[in-house]
């Protein structure tokens, strides 16, 4: 359900599907080059695919994007360049630039049904073109 050639773009990264974890649906561990997806019994395959794509979006971001590219994404989304990128204590991932980037990537790959960014609506086709440039550079 995720067509992006992530194995080519994320050399050395691996994906693990693990049992459901309270409070989390997935995690990205840059030092370990690891994406974990926590699968709950009641999740649909589409939901799991969206979470996988979201975490892959984070992996692509931390592997390839520079500060300038992150600012470009924020501008593209109509957000201030000062928007918090990485998660801070007590803040939702969906309320950060990194979370918006990951959710936009997931919506691009799996559709908007599970989209949850708190910063901006589902990305427009023009915004997806910018996203495509950022993840392929």
Protein backbone atom coordinates (compact mmCIF):
# COMPACT_ATOMS: atom_id res chain seq x y z
CA UNK A 1 0.00 0.00 0.00
CA UNK A 2 3.08 2.25 0.19
CA UNK A 3 4.54 2.58 -3.30
CA UNK A 4 7.42 4.96 -2.57
CA UNK A 5 10.79 3.16 -3.07
CA UNK A 6 11.84 3.73 0.53
CA UNK A 7 14.42 0.92 0.58
CA UNK A 8 16.39 2.77 -2.12
CA UNK A 9 16.12 6.16 -0.37
CA UNK A 10 16.66 4.86 3.16
CA UNK A 11 19.71 2.67 2.85
CA UNK A 12 20.33 0.64 5.98
CA UNK A 13 16.92 1.38 7.52
CA UNK A 14 14.64 -1.43 8.61
CA UNK A 15 10.95 -1.67 9.50
CA UNK A 16 9.54 -3.79 12.31
CA UNK A 17 5.88 -4.53 12.98
CA UNK A 18 5.29 -5.07 16.69
CA UNK A 19 2.29 -5.65 18.96
CA UNK A 20 0.18 -2.64 19.90
CA UNK A 21 1.75 -0.20 22.37
CA UNK A 22 -0.27 2.06 24.62
CA UNK A 23 -0.09 5.70 23.56
CA UNK A 24 1.88 5.10 20.34
CA UNK A 25 1.10 3.82 16.86
CA UNK A 26 4.66 4.03 15.58
CA UNK A 27 8.15 5.31 16.29
CA UNK A 28 11.17 6.31 14.26
CA UNK A 29 14.63 5.75 15.73
CA UNK A 30 17.21 7.63 13.61
CA UNK A 31 20.34 6.40 15.43
CA UNK A 32 19.24 2.80 14.96
CA UNK A 33 17.82 3.46 11.47
CA UNK A 34 14.67 1.76 12.64
CA UNK A 35 10.96 2.32 12.06
CA UNK A 36 8.59 0.55 14.42
CA UNK A 37 4.88 0.17 13.73
CA UNK A 38 2.76 -0.95 16.68
CA UNK A 39 -0.15 -2.96 15.30
CA UNK A 40 -3.34 -3.23 17.34
CA UNK A 41 -5.89 -5.99 16.82
CA UNK A 42 -8.60 -3.56 15.75
CA UNK A 43 -6.57 -1.70 13.10
CA UNK A 44 -7.37 -1.92 9.43
CA UNK A 45 -4.63 -2.63 6.89
CA UNK A 46 -5.17 0.93 5.57
CA UNK A 47 -4.53 2.40 9.03
CA UNK A 48 -1.35 0.33 9.45
CA UNK A 49 -0.17 1.42 5.99
CA UNK A 50 -0.78 5.07 6.90
CA UNK A 51 1.23 4.72 10.11
CA UNK A 52 4.04 2.99 8.23
CA UNK A 53 4.07 5.79 5.65
CA UNK A 54 4.03 8.44 8.41
CA UNK A 55 7.07 6.87 10.09
CA UNK A 56 8.83 6.50 6.73
CA UNK A 57 8.17 10.22 6.21
CA UNK A 58 10.03 10.90 9.46
CA UNK A 59 12.89 8.63 8.37
CA UNK A 60 13.16 10.39 5.01
CA UNK A 61 13.11 13.77 6.76
CA UNK A 62 15.87 13.00 9.27
CA UNK A 63 17.98 11.27 6.62
CA UNK A 64 17.70 13.77 3.77
CA UNK A 65 16.21 17.14 4.73
CA UNK A 66 18.30 20.13 5.74
CA UNK A 67 17.14 23.07 7.82
CA UNK A 68 16.58 25.04 4.61
CA UNK A 69 14.49 22.24 3.12
CA UNK A 70 12.40 22.07 6.29
CA UNK A 71 11.82 25.83 6.10
CA UNK A 72 10.80 25.42 2.46
CA UNK A 73 8.23 22.83 3.52
CA UNK A 74 6.82 25.13 6.20
CA UNK A 75 6.57 28.02 3.71
CA UNK A 76 4.92 25.71 1.16
CA UNK A 77 2.31 24.84 3.78
CA UNK A 78 1.70 28.51 4.63
CA UNK A 79 3.34 28.13 8.05
CA UNK A 80 5.92 30.29 9.79
CA UNK A 81 9.54 29.22 9.38
CA UNK A 82 9.70 29.43 13.19
CA UNK A 83 7.18 26.60 13.57
CA UNK A 84 8.54 23.95 15.93
CA UNK A 85 9.92 21.14 13.75
CA UNK A 86 10.74 18.37 16.18
CA UNK A 87 8.52 17.26 19.03
CA UNK A 88 8.89 18.94 22.41
CA UNK A 89 7.80 17.61 25.78
CA UNK A 90 4.04 17.51 26.01
CA UNK A 91 3.49 18.41 22.35
CA UNK A 92 1.81 16.11 19.86
CA UNK A 93 3.82 14.96 16.86
CA UNK A 94 0.89 16.12 14.73
CA UNK A 95 1.43 19.70 15.98
CA UNK A 96 5.02 19.96 14.68
CA UNK A 97 6.58 20.60 11.30
CA UNK A 98 8.04 17.10 11.29
CA UNK A 99 4.61 15.62 12.03
CA UNK A 100 2.98 17.67 9.28
CA UNK A 101 5.69 16.55 6.83
CA UNK A 102 5.21 12.91 7.85
CA UNK A 103 1.41 13.15 7.65
CA UNK A 104 1.62 14.79 4.21
CA UNK A 105 3.91 11.98 3.05
CA UNK A 106 1.48 9.40 4.45
CA UNK A 107 -1.51 11.08 2.77
CA UNK A 108 0.41 11.13 -0.52
CA UNK A 109 1.15 7.42 -0.22
CA UNK A 110 -2.06 6.05 1.29
CA UNK A 111 -4.74 8.72 0.81
CA UNK A 112 -6.21 11.28 3.18
CA UNK A 113 -8.59 9.04 5.18
CA UNK A 114 -6.31 8.83 8.24
CA UNK A 115 -4.75 12.32 7.94
CA UNK A 116 -4.15 13.98 11.33
CA UNK A 117 -1.82 16.97 11.01
CA UNK A 118 -2.85 19.73 13.40
CA UNK A 119 -0.96 22.42 11.46
CA UNK A 120 -2.47 22.39 7.99
CA UNK A 121 -5.10 20.59 5.91
CA UNK A 122 -4.46 17.71 3.55
CA UNK A 123 -1.73 18.87 1.14
CA UNK A 124 -2.70 20.26 -2.24
CA UNK A 125 -1.30 18.79 -5.47
CA UNK A 126 1.22 21.68 -5.63
CA UNK A 127 2.35 20.93 -2.08
CA UNK A 128 2.72 17.24 -2.94
CA UNK A 129 5.00 18.25 -5.82
CA UNK A 130 7.27 20.05 -3.33
CA UNK A 131 7.15 17.02 -1.02
CA UNK A 132 8.08 14.80 -3.93
CA UNK A 133 11.11 17.00 -4.66
CA UNK A 134 12.21 16.91 -1.02
CA UNK A 135 12.02 13.15 -0.62
CA UNK A 136 13.72 12.41 -3.94
CA UNK A 137 16.68 14.80 -3.52
